[in-house]
Amino acid sequence: MSIENQLAEHRSYLLRFARLQLRNEAWAEDAVSETLLAALSRPQSFDNKSQLKTWLVGILKHKVVDTLRQRAREVSYGGEDDTADGSEELDALVFKNGDHFASLPADWGNPEQDLNSRQFFEVLEACTEKLPAAMGRVFLMREWLELPCEEICKELKLTPTNLYVQLHRARLRLRECLELNWFGYAPTTLSS
């Protein structure tokens, strides 16, 4: 199979990945196009030490970071109000007296086995897409693009405290979403 056909097979996955990161259709299309052009212009740099998809995602991560840097001053409107994200209500449900979990986390079984499941990643992706745009962007920049906290704060003009609060809230929301949609866990309240 030609390199062009192999790249075309991965385009839809790359586009989903870019949309999740950038939350802007045009920016995602541009990042994927640039990724595919980079791969086509230097196919010899793929040395079969990894899967083609892994190599392409590596290129795409750099294109996404470049896009975030270039577009840092632009606003991408996703049609939702990020200021009313309901985080305080979630904190109140998850914690009692503000510092202890109101219910024990679910038994997640064998997480390594789940990491090999395509369905798990589809649920994780759907849960990530439900995050408010600003919170999702911070979470993805830190956890998926692996940008240092200092760089995220600089790019998004956040204080370190605000960054850590947003990351904490994003992780809580993802935990809740995964427990409901993947692990089938209905939370029970801990006794006092």
N, C-alpha and C. Protein backbone atom coordinates (compact mmCIF):
# COMPACT_ATOMS: atom_id res chain seq x y z
N MET A 1 0.85 -1.17 0.00
CA MET A 1 0.00 0.00 0.00
C MET A 1 0.90 1.24 0.00
N SER A 2 0.54 2.23 -0.78
CA SER A 2 1.35 3.45 -0.89
C SER A 2 1.27 4.26 0.39
N ILE A 3 2.27 5.10 0.61
CA ILE A 3 2.30 5.96 1.80
C ILE A 3 1.10 6.90 1.81
N GLU A 4 0.68 7.36 0.64
CA GLU A 4 -0.48 8.25 0.56
C GLU A 4 -1.73 7.56 1.08
N ASN A 5 -1.93 6.31 0.69
CA ASN A 5 -3.10 5.55 1.14
C ASN A 5 -3.04 5.27 2.64
N GLN A 6 -1.85 4.95 3.13
CA GLN A 6 -1.69 4.71 4.56
C GLN A 6 -2.01 5.96 5.37
N LEU A 7 -1.53 7.11 4.88
CA LEU A 7 -1.81 8.37 5.58
C LEU A 7 -3.30 8.69 5.54
N ALA A 8 -3.93 8.44 4.41
CA ALA A 8 -5.36 8.72 4.27
C ALA A 8 -6.18 7.88 5.26
N GLU A 9 -5.73 6.67 5.53
CA GLU A 9 -6.44 5.81 6.48
C GLU A 9 -6.43 6.38 7.90
N HIS A 10 -5.41 7.15 8.24
CA HIS A 10 -5.27 7.70 9.59
C HIS A 10 -5.84 9.11 9.73
N ARG A 11 -6.28 9.71 8.63
CA ARG A 11 -6.73 11.09 8.65
C ARG A 11 -7.89 11.32 9.62
N SER A 12 -8.88 10.45 9.62
CA SER A 12 -10.05 10.68 10.49
C SER A 12 -9.66 10.63 11.97
N TYR A 13 -8.76 9.71 12.33
CA TYR A 13 -8.30 9.65 13.72
C TYR A 13 -7.54 10.92 14.09
N LEU A 14 -6.65 11.36 13.21
CA LEU A 14 -5.88 12.57 13.46
C LEU A 14 -6.79 13.78 13.60
N LEU A 15 -7.83 13.83 12.79
CA LEU A 15 -8.77 14.95 12.85
C LEU A 15 -9.52 14.95 14.18
N ARG A 16 -9.95 13.79 14.64
CA ARG A 16 -10.62 13.71 15.95
C ARG A 16 -9.68 14.18 17.05
N PHE A 17 -8.44 13.73 16.98
CA PHE A 17 -7.43 14.13 17.98
C PHE A 17 -7.24 15.65 17.96
N ALA A 18 -7.10 16.23 16.79
CA ALA A 18 -6.88 17.68 16.67
C ALA A 18 -8.10 18.47 17.14
N ARG A 19 -9.30 18.00 16.79
CA ARG A 19 -10.52 18.68 17.25
C ARG A 19 -10.59 18.69 18.77
N LEU A 20 -10.26 17.58 19.38
CA LEU A 20 -10.29 17.47 20.83
C LEU A 20 -9.30 18.44 21.47
N GLN A 21 -8.15 18.59 20.86
CA GLN A 21 -7.13 19.48 21.41
C GLN A 21 -7.47 20.95 21.17
N LEU A 22 -7.89 21.28 19.97
CA LEU A 22 -8.02 22.68 19.57
C LEU A 22 -9.43 23.23 19.72
N ARG A 23 -10.43 22.35 19.67
CA ARG A 23 -11.84 22.76 19.79
C ARG A 23 -12.21 23.84 18.79
N ASN A 24 -11.64 23.72 17.61
CA ASN A 24 -11.94 24.63 16.52
C ASN A 24 -11.75 23.84 15.23
N GLU A 25 -12.82 23.72 14.48
CA GLU A 25 -12.82 22.88 13.28
C GLU A 25 -11.75 23.30 12.26
N ALA A 26 -11.68 24.59 11.98
CA ALA A 26 -10.73 25.08 10.97
C ALA A 26 -9.29 24.87 11.43
N TRP A 27 -9.00 25.15 12.70
CA TRP A 27 -7.66 24.96 13.22
C TRP A 27 -7.27 23.48 13.18
N ALA A 28 -8.23 22.61 13.51
CA ALA A 28 -7.96 21.17 13.49
C ALA A 28 -7.66 20.70 12.07
N GLU A 29 -8.46 21.15 11.11
CA GLU A 29 -8.23 20.79 9.71
C GLU A 29 -6.85 21.23 9.26
N ASP A 30 -6.48 22.46 9.62
CA ASP A 30 -5.16 22.98 9.24
C ASP A 30 -4.03 22.15 9.86
N ALA A 31 -4.17 21.83 11.14
CA ALA A 31 -3.12 21.06 11.83
C ALA A 31 -2.95 19.68 11.21
N VAL A 32 -4.05 19.03 10.88
CA VAL A 32 -3.98 17.70 10.26
C VAL A 32 -3.39 17.80 8.86
N SER A 33 -3.80 18.80 8.11
CA SER A 33 -3.23 18.99 6.76
C SER A 33 -1.73 19.20 6.83
N GLU A 34 -1.29 20.03 7.77
CA GLU A 34 0.14 20.27 7.92
C GLU A 34 0.87 18.99 8.35
N THR A 35 0.23 18.20 9.19
CA THR A 35 0.82 16.93 9.62
C THR A 35 1.01 15.99 8.44
N LEU A 36 -0.03 15.85 7.65
CA LEU A 36 0.05 14.95 6.49
C LEU A 36 1.05 15.45 5.46
N LEU A 37 1.11 16.76 5.27
CA LEU A 37 2.11 17.32 4.35
C LEU A 37 3.52 17.07 4.85
N ALA A 38 3.73 17.23 6.15
CA ALA A 38 5.05 16.98 6.73
C ALA A 38 5.44 15.51 6.55
N ALA A 39 4.48 14.60 6.77
CA ALA A 39 4.76 13.18 6.60
C ALA A 39 5.05 12.83 5.14
N LEU A 40 4.30 13.45 4.22
CA LEU A 40 4.52 13.19 2.80
C LEU A 40 5.85 13.77 2.30
N SER A 41 6.25 14.89 2.87
CA SER A 41 7.48 15.53 2.40
C SER A 41 8.73 14.82 2.92
N ARG A 42 8.60 14.06 4.02
CA ARG A 42 9.76 13.36 4.57
C ARG A 42 9.40 11.94 5.02
N PRO A 43 8.93 11.11 4.12
CA PRO A 43 8.55 9.74 4.53
C PRO A 43 9.75 8.94 5.03
N GLN A 44 10.96 9.31 4.61
CA GLN A 44 12.14 8.58 5.05
C GLN A 44 12.40 8.76 6.54
N SER A 45 11.82 9.80 7.17
CA SER A 45 12.05 10.00 8.60
C SER A 45 11.23 9.01 9.44
N PHE A 46 10.26 8.34 8.83
CA PHE A 46 9.56 7.25 9.51
C PHE A 46 10.40 6.00 9.33
N ASP A 47 10.98 5.54 10.43
CA ASP A 47 11.93 4.43 10.33
C ASP A 47 11.39 3.10 10.87
N ASN A 48 10.08 2.98 10.96
CA ASN A 48 9.42 1.74 11.40
C ASN A 48 9.80 1.31 12.82
N LYS A 49 10.31 2.24 13.64
CA LYS A 49 10.58 1.91 15.04
C LYS A 49 9.29 1.97 15.86
N SER A 50 8.27 2.61 15.31
CA SER A 50 6.96 2.69 15.95
C SER A 50 5.91 2.47 14.87
N GLN A 51 4.66 2.49 15.28
CA GLN A 51 3.60 2.37 14.30
C GLN A 51 3.44 3.69 13.57
N LEU A 52 2.95 3.64 12.36
CA LEU A 52 2.75 4.84 11.57
C LEU A 52 1.83 5.82 12.31
N LYS A 53 0.78 5.31 12.90
CA LYS A 53 -0.17 6.15 13.63
C LYS A 53 0.54 6.90 14.77
N THR A 54 1.41 6.23 15.49
CA THR A 54 2.15 6.85 16.59
C THR A 54 3.04 7.96 16.07
N TRP A 55 3.71 7.71 14.97
CA TRP A 55 4.58 8.72 14.35
C TRP A 55 3.76 9.94 13.93
N LEU A 56 2.60 9.71 13.31
CA LEU A 56 1.76 10.81 12.87
C LEU A 56 1.22 11.62 14.04
N VAL A 57 0.83 10.94 15.11
CA VAL A 57 0.34 11.66 16.29
C VAL A 57 1.46 12.51 16.89
N GLY A 58 2.68 12.00 16.86
CA GLY A 58 3.82 12.79 17.34
C GLY A 58 3.99 14.07 16.54
N ILE A 59 3.87 13.97 15.24
CA ILE A 59 3.95 15.17 14.38
C ILE A 59 2.79 16.10 14.69
N LEU A 60 1.59 15.52 14.81
CA LEU A 60 0.39 16.32 15.06
C LEU A 60 0.48 17.06 16.40
N LYS A 61 1.05 16.42 17.41
CA LYS A 61 1.19 17.10 18.71
C LYS A 61 1.98 18.40 18.54
N HIS A 62 3.05 18.35 17.77
CA HIS A 62 3.85 19.55 17.54
C HIS A 62 3.05 20.60 16.77
N LYS A 63 2.27 20.16 15.79
CA LYS A 63 1.45 21.10 15.02
C LYS A 63 0.37 21.73 15.90
N VAL A 64 -0.20 20.95 16.82
CA VAL A 64 -1.22 21.48 17.73
C VAL A 64 -0.60 22.52 18.66
N VAL A 65 0.57 22.22 19.21
CA VAL A 65 1.25 23.17 20.08
C VAL A 65 1.56 24.46 19.31
N ASP A 66 2.05 24.32 18.08
CA ASP A 66 2.32 25.49 17.25
C ASP A 66 1.05 26.31 17.03
N THR A 67 -0.05 25.63 16.75
CA THR A 67 -1.32 26.31 16.52
C THR A 67 -1.76 27.04 17.79
N LEU A 68 -1.65 26.38 18.94
CA LEU A 68 -2.04 27.03 20.19
C LEU A 68 -1.20 28.28 20.44
N ARG A 69 0.07 28.20 20.14
CA ARG A 69 0.93 29.37 20.32
C ARG A 69 0.56 30.49 19.36
N GLN A 70 0.33 30.14 18.10
CA GLN A 70 0.00 31.15 17.08
C GLN A 70 -1.35 31.79 17.35
N ARG A 71 -2.28 31.02 17.84
CA ARG A 71 -3.66 31.49 17.99
C ARG A 71 -3.99 31.86 19.44
N ALA A 72 -2.99 32.01 20.27
CA ALA A 72 -3.21 32.25 21.70
C ALA A 72 -4.10 33.47 21.95
N ARG A 73 -4.03 34.44 21.10
CA ARG A 73 -4.81 35.66 21.31
C ARG A 73 -6.19 35.60 20.66
N GLU A 74 -6.43 34.58 19.86
CA GLU A 74 -7.74 34.44 19.23
C GLU A 74 -8.67 33.68 20.15
N VAL A 75 -9.93 33.93 20.02
CA VAL A 75 -10.93 33.24 20.83
C VAL A 75 -11.68 32.27 19.93
N SER A 76 -11.78 31.04 20.39
CA SER A 76 -12.58 30.05 19.68
C SER A 76 -13.87 29.86 20.45
N TYR A 77 -14.98 30.26 19.86
CA TYR A 77 -16.25 30.16 20.55
C TYR A 77 -16.87 28.82 20.24
N GLY A 78 -17.07 28.03 21.29
CA GLY A 78 -17.66 26.71 21.13
C GLY A 78 -19.13 26.67 21.45
N GLY A 79 -19.73 27.85 21.73
CA GLY A 79 -21.16 27.88 21.99
C GLY A 79 -21.54 27.56 23.42
N GLU A 80 -20.60 27.55 24.33
CA GLU A 80 -20.91 27.26 25.72
C GLU A 80 -20.29 28.32 26.60
N ASP A 81 -20.83 28.48 27.77
CA ASP A 81 -20.35 29.47 28.71
C ASP A 81 -19.38 28.81 29.67
N ASP A 82 -18.09 29.14 29.53
CA ASP A 82 -17.07 28.53 30.39
C ASP A 82 -17.12 29.04 31.82
N THR A 83 -17.73 30.18 32.03
CA THR A 83 -17.74 30.71 33.39
C THR A 83 -18.71 29.97 34.26
N ALA A 84 -19.73 29.39 33.69
CA ALA A 84 -20.73 28.65 34.47
C ALA A 84 -20.50 27.16 34.28
N ASP A 85 -19.36 26.67 34.75
CA ASP A 85 -19.02 25.27 34.49
C ASP A 85 -19.52 24.32 35.57
N GLY A 86 -20.12 24.83 36.62
CA GLY A 86 -20.67 23.96 37.64
C GLY A 86 -19.64 23.30 38.52
N SER A 87 -18.42 23.80 38.54
CA SER A 87 -17.35 23.16 39.30
C SER A 87 -17.61 23.17 40.80
N GLU A 88 -18.20 24.25 41.30
CA GLU A 88 -18.46 24.31 42.73
C GLU A 88 -19.47 23.23 43.13
N GLU A 89 -20.49 23.02 42.29
CA GLU A 89 -21.48 21.99 42.59
C GLU A 89 -20.84 20.60 42.56
N LEU A 90 -19.94 20.38 41.61
CA LEU A 90 -19.25 19.10 41.53
C LEU A 90 -18.39 18.87 42.76
N ASP A 91 -17.66 19.91 43.17
CA ASP A 91 -16.85 19.80 44.39
C ASP A 91 -17.72 19.45 45.59
N ALA A 92 -18.89 20.08 45.68
CA ALA A 92 -19.79 19.81 46.81
C ALA A 92 -20.30 18.38 46.79
N LEU A 93 -20.52 17.82 45.63
CA LEU A 93 -20.99 16.44 45.54
C LEU A 93 -19.88 15.43 45.82
N VAL A 94 -18.66 15.74 45.39
CA VAL A 94 -17.55 14.81 45.50
C VAL A 94 -16.92 14.83 46.89
N PHE A 95 -16.90 16.01 47.52
CA PHE A 95 -16.24 16.14 48.82
C PHE A 95 -17.24 16.48 49.90
N LYS A 96 -17.00 15.98 51.11
CA LYS A 96 -17.79 16.40 52.25
C LYS A 96 -16.88 17.26 53.13
N ASN A 97 -17.41 18.30 53.67
CA ASN A 97 -16.65 19.26 54.47
C ASN A 97 -15.47 19.83 53.69
N GLY A 98 -15.53 19.79 52.36
CA GLY A 98 -14.52 20.42 51.54
C GLY A 98 -13.18 19.74 51.43
N ASP A 99 -12.94 18.63 52.16
CA ASP A 99 -11.59 18.07 52.10
C ASP A 99 -11.53 16.55 52.03
N HIS A 100 -12.59 15.83 52.29
CA HIS A 100 -12.60 14.37 52.22
C HIS A 100 -13.61 13.93 51.17
N PHE A 101 -13.27 12.84 50.47
CA PHE A 101 -14.20 12.32 49.48
C PHE A 101 -15.51 11.92 50.16
N ALA A 102 -16.63 12.29 49.54
CA ALA A 102 -17.94 11.92 50.06
C ALA A 102 -18.21 10.44 49.81
N SER A 103 -17.60 9.89 48.78
CA SER A 103 -17.74 8.46 48.51
C SER A 103 -16.39 7.93 48.05
N LEU A 104 -16.17 6.67 48.32
CA LEU A 104 -14.91 6.05 47.89
C LEU A 104 -14.86 5.96 46.37
N PRO A 105 -13.70 6.14 45.78
CA PRO A 105 -13.59 5.93 44.34
C PRO A 105 -13.95 4.48 43.99
N ALA A 106 -14.49 4.31 42.81
CA ALA A 106 -14.88 2.97 42.36
C ALA A 106 -13.65 2.09 42.18
N ASP A 107 -13.87 0.79 42.29
CA ASP A 107 -12.81 -0.16 41.96
C ASP A 107 -12.73 -0.21 40.44
N TRP A 108 -11.61 0.24 39.91
CA TRP A 108 -11.46 0.32 38.47
C TRP A 108 -10.87 -0.95 37.87
N GLY A 109 -10.84 -2.02 38.62
CA GLY A 109 -10.38 -3.29 38.09
C GLY A 109 -8.94 -3.24 37.65
N ASN A 110 -8.69 -3.63 36.41
CA ASN A 110 -7.35 -3.67 35.86
C ASN A 110 -7.17 -2.54 34.85
N PRO A 111 -6.63 -1.39 35.30
CA PRO A 111 -6.50 -0.24 34.40
C PRO A 111 -5.65 -0.52 33.17
N GLU A 112 -4.62 -1.35 33.30
CA GLU A 112 -3.77 -1.64 32.14
C GLU A 112 -4.57 -2.35 31.04
N GLN A 113 -5.48 -3.21 31.44
CA GLN A 113 -6.32 -3.90 30.46
C GLN A 113 -7.22 -2.88 29.75
N ASP A 114 -7.77 -1.94 30.50
CA ASP A 114 -8.62 -0.91 29.90
C ASP A 114 -7.85 -0.04 28.93
N LEU A 115 -6.56 0.20 29.21
CA LEU A 115 -5.77 1.03 28.32
C LEU A 115 -5.57 0.39 26.96
N ASN A 116 -5.75 -0.91 26.88
CA ASN A 116 -5.65 -1.62 25.61
C ASN A 116 -6.99 -1.70 24.89
N SER A 117 -8.02 -1.10 25.48
CA SER A 117 -9.36 -1.18 24.92
C SER A 117 -9.68 0.07 24.11
N ARG A 118 -10.04 -0.13 22.87
CA ARG A 118 -10.41 0.99 22.01
C ARG A 118 -11.67 1.69 22.54
N GLN A 119 -12.62 0.90 23.06
CA GLN A 119 -13.85 1.48 23.59
C GLN A 119 -13.56 2.38 24.78
N PHE A 120 -12.59 2.00 25.62
CA PHE A 120 -12.24 2.85 26.76
C PHE A 120 -11.79 4.22 26.27
N PHE A 121 -10.95 4.26 25.25
CA PHE A 121 -10.47 5.54 24.75
C PHE A 121 -11.58 6.35 24.09
N GLU A 122 -12.55 5.67 23.50
CA GLU A 122 -13.69 6.39 22.94
C GLU A 122 -14.51 7.04 24.04
N VAL A 123 -14.69 6.33 25.16
CA VAL A 123 -15.42 6.90 26.30
C VAL A 123 -14.61 8.03 26.93
N LEU A 124 -13.30 7.83 27.09
CA LEU A 124 -12.44 8.88 27.63
C LEU A 124 -12.48 10.12 26.75
N GLU A 125 -12.44 9.94 25.45
CA GLU A 125 -12.49 11.06 24.53
C GLU A 125 -13.83 11.79 24.65
N ALA A 126 -14.93 11.03 24.73
CA ALA A 126 -16.25 11.65 24.88
C ALA A 126 -16.33 12.42 26.20
N CYS A 127 -15.77 11.86 27.27
CA CYS A 127 -15.76 12.55 28.57
C CYS A 127 -14.93 13.83 28.48
N THR A 128 -13.81 13.77 27.80
CA THR A 128 -12.95 14.94 27.66
C THR A 128 -13.65 16.03 26.85
N GLU A 129 -14.40 15.63 25.84
CA GLU A 129 -15.12 16.61 25.02
C GLU A 129 -16.21 17.32 25.82
N LYS A 130 -16.71 16.68 26.89
CA LYS A 130 -17.75 17.30 27.72
C LYS A 130 -17.19 18.36 28.67
N LEU A 131 -15.89 18.40 28.84
CA LEU A 131 -15.30 19.43 29.70
C LEU A 131 -15.55 20.80 29.10
N PRO A 132 -15.75 21.83 29.93
CA PRO A 132 -15.84 23.19 29.37
C PRO A 132 -14.57 23.49 28.57
N ALA A 133 -14.68 24.30 27.55
CA ALA A 133 -13.58 24.50 26.60
C ALA A 133 -12.29 24.93 27.27
N ALA A 134 -12.34 25.93 28.16
CA ALA A 134 -11.11 26.42 28.80
C ALA A 134 -10.49 25.33 29.68
N MET A 135 -11.32 24.63 30.43
CA MET A 135 -10.82 23.56 31.30
C MET A 135 -10.26 22.41 30.46
N GLY A 136 -10.95 22.06 29.40
CA GLY A 136 -10.48 21.00 28.52
C GLY A 136 -9.16 21.34 27.87
N ARG A 137 -9.02 22.60 27.45
CA ARG A 137 -7.78 23.02 26.82
C ARG A 137 -6.61 22.90 27.79
N VAL A 138 -6.80 23.36 29.04
CA VAL A 138 -5.75 23.27 30.05
C VAL A 138 -5.38 21.81 30.31
N PHE A 139 -6.39 20.96 30.48
CA PHE A 139 -6.14 19.55 30.75
C PHE A 139 -5.39 18.88 29.60
N LEU A 140 -5.82 19.12 28.39
CA LEU A 140 -5.17 18.49 27.24
C LEU A 140 -3.76 19.00 27.02
N MET A 141 -3.56 20.30 27.26
CA MET A 141 -2.20 20.84 27.11
C MET A 141 -1.26 20.18 28.11
N ARG A 142 -1.72 19.96 29.32
CA ARG A 142 -0.85 19.39 30.36
C ARG A 142 -0.69 17.88 30.21
N GLU A 143 -1.80 17.17 30.07
CA GLU A 143 -1.76 15.71 30.14
C GLU A 143 -1.52 15.04 28.80
N TRP A 144 -1.98 15.60 27.70
CA TRP A 144 -1.82 14.93 26.42
C TRP A 144 -0.68 15.51 25.62
N LEU A 145 -0.54 16.83 25.66
CA LEU A 145 0.56 17.44 24.93
C LEU A 145 1.81 17.53 25.80
N GLU A 146 1.65 17.28 27.09
CA GLU A 146 2.74 17.23 28.06
C GLU A 146 3.55 18.52 28.12
N LEU A 147 2.84 19.64 28.00
CA LEU A 147 3.50 20.93 28.12
C LEU A 147 3.78 21.21 29.60
N PRO A 148 4.90 21.86 29.90
CA PRO A 148 5.19 22.21 31.30
C PRO A 148 4.17 23.24 31.82
N CYS A 149 3.90 23.18 33.10
CA CYS A 149 2.91 24.09 33.70
C CYS A 149 3.28 25.55 33.46
N GLU A 150 4.57 25.85 33.55
CA GLU A 150 5.01 27.24 33.35
C GLU A 150 4.62 27.73 31.96
N GLU A 151 4.78 26.89 30.96
CA GLU A 151 4.47 27.28 29.60
C GLU A 151 2.96 27.45 29.42
N ILE A 152 2.16 26.58 30.03
CA ILE A 152 0.70 26.70 29.94
C ILE A 152 0.26 28.00 30.58
N CYS A 153 0.80 28.30 31.75
CA CYS A 153 0.45 29.55 32.44
C CYS A 153 0.80 30.76 31.57
N LYS A 154 1.96 30.71 30.94
CA LYS A 154 2.40 31.82 30.09
C LYS A 154 1.50 31.95 28.87
N GLU A 155 1.21 30.83 28.21
CA GLU A 155 0.40 30.85 26.99
C GLU A 155 -1.03 31.31 27.24
N LEU A 156 -1.61 30.84 28.37
CA LEU A 156 -3.01 31.14 28.64
C LEU A 156 -3.21 32.26 29.64
N LYS A 157 -2.10 32.86 30.06
CA LYS A 157 -2.14 33.97 31.02
C LYS A 157 -2.87 33.56 32.30
N LEU A 158 -2.46 32.43 32.87
CA LEU A 158 -3.04 31.90 34.11
C LEU A 158 -2.03 31.99 35.23
N THR A 159 -2.51 32.10 36.44
CA THR A 159 -1.62 31.96 37.59
C THR A 159 -1.43 30.47 37.83
N PRO A 160 -0.33 30.06 38.45
CA PRO A 160 -0.15 28.64 38.74
C PRO A 160 -1.29 28.07 39.59
N THR A 161 -1.80 28.85 40.53
CA THR A 161 -2.90 28.38 41.37
C THR A 161 -4.13 28.10 40.53
N ASN A 162 -4.46 29.02 39.62
CA ASN A 162 -5.62 28.83 38.76
C ASN A 162 -5.44 27.60 37.87
N LEU A 163 -4.24 27.41 37.36
CA LEU A 163 -3.96 26.23 36.52
C LEU A 163 -4.21 24.95 37.31
N TYR A 164 -3.68 24.88 38.52
CA TYR A 164 -3.83 23.66 39.32
C TYR A 164 -5.28 23.42 39.71
N VAL A 165 -6.03 24.48 39.97
CA VAL A 165 -7.45 24.33 40.29
C VAL A 165 -8.20 23.79 39.07
N GLN A 166 -7.90 24.33 37.89
CA GLN A 166 -8.58 23.85 36.68
C GLN A 166 -8.22 22.39 36.39
N LEU A 167 -6.95 22.03 36.57
CA LEU A 167 -6.55 20.64 36.36
C LEU A 167 -7.25 19.72 37.35
N HIS A 168 -7.33 20.14 38.60
CA HIS A 168 -8.01 19.34 39.63
C HIS A 168 -9.48 19.13 39.25
N ARG A 169 -10.14 20.20 38.87
CA ARG A 169 -11.56 20.10 38.51
C ARG A 169 -11.77 19.25 37.27
N ALA A 170 -10.87 19.36 36.31
CA ALA A 170 -10.98 18.54 35.10
C ALA A 170 -10.84 17.07 35.44
N ARG A 171 -9.88 16.74 36.30
CA ARG A 171 -9.69 15.34 36.70
C ARG A 171 -10.90 14.81 37.45
N LEU A 172 -11.50 15.64 38.31
CA LEU A 172 -12.72 15.22 39.02
C LEU A 172 -13.85 14.93 38.05
N ARG A 173 -14.02 15.81 37.08
CA ARG A 173 -15.09 15.61 36.10
C ARG A 173 -14.84 14.35 35.27
N LEU A 174 -13.60 14.14 34.88
CA LEU A 174 -13.28 12.94 34.10
C LEU A 174 -13.50 11.68 34.94
N ARG A 175 -13.10 11.72 36.20
CA ARG A 175 -13.33 10.57 37.08
C ARG A 175 -14.82 10.26 37.17
N GLU A 176 -15.62 11.29 37.40
CA GLU A 176 -17.07 11.10 37.51
C GLU A 176 -17.64 10.53 36.21
N CYS A 177 -17.23 11.10 35.09
CA CYS A 177 -17.74 10.65 33.79
C CYS A 177 -17.33 9.20 33.51
N LEU A 178 -16.07 8.86 33.79
CA LEU A 178 -15.62 7.48 33.56
C LEU A 178 -16.33 6.49 34.48
N GLU A 179 -16.54 6.89 35.71
CA GLU A 179 -17.24 5.98 36.64
C GLU A 179 -18.67 5.73 36.18
N LEU A 180 -19.31 6.74 35.64
CA LEU A 180 -20.69 6.58 35.18
C LEU A 180 -20.78 5.87 33.83
N ASN A 181 -19.84 6.16 32.93
CA ASN A 181 -19.97 5.69 31.55
C ASN A 181 -19.07 4.52 31.17
N TRP A 182 -18.09 4.20 31.99
CA TRP A 182 -17.22 3.08 31.67
C TRP A 182 -17.28 1.99 32.73
N PHE A 183 -17.13 2.40 33.98
CA PHE A 183 -17.05 1.42 35.05
C PHE A 183 -18.42 1.05 35.60
N GLY A 184 -19.46 1.76 35.18
CA GLY A 184 -20.82 1.44 35.61
C GLY A 184 -21.00 1.57 37.10
N TYR A 185 -20.37 2.55 37.68
CA TYR A 185 -20.36 2.72 39.12
C TYR A 185 -21.37 3.77 39.53
N ALA A 186 -22.25 3.42 40.44
CA ALA A 186 -23.16 4.39 41.03
C ALA A 186 -22.60 4.76 42.39
N PRO A 187 -22.20 6.02 42.60
CA PRO A 187 -21.57 6.38 43.86
C PRO A 187 -22.47 6.15 45.07
N THR A 188 -21.86 5.70 46.14
CA THR A 188 -22.56 5.54 47.40
C THR A 188 -21.87 6.43 48.41
N THR A 189 -22.66 6.97 49.31
CA THR A 189 -22.13 7.89 50.30
C THR A 189 -21.42 7.12 51.41
N LEU A 190 -20.31 7.64 51.85
CA LEU A 190 -19.58 7.06 52.96
C LEU A 190 -20.28 7.40 54.25
N SER A 191 -20.22 6.52 55.18
CA SER A 191 -20.79 6.83 56.49
C SER A 191 -19.83 7.73 57.26
N SER A 192 -20.38 8.60 58.07
CA SER A 192 -19.55 9.56 58.82
C SER A 192 -18.81 8.90 59.93
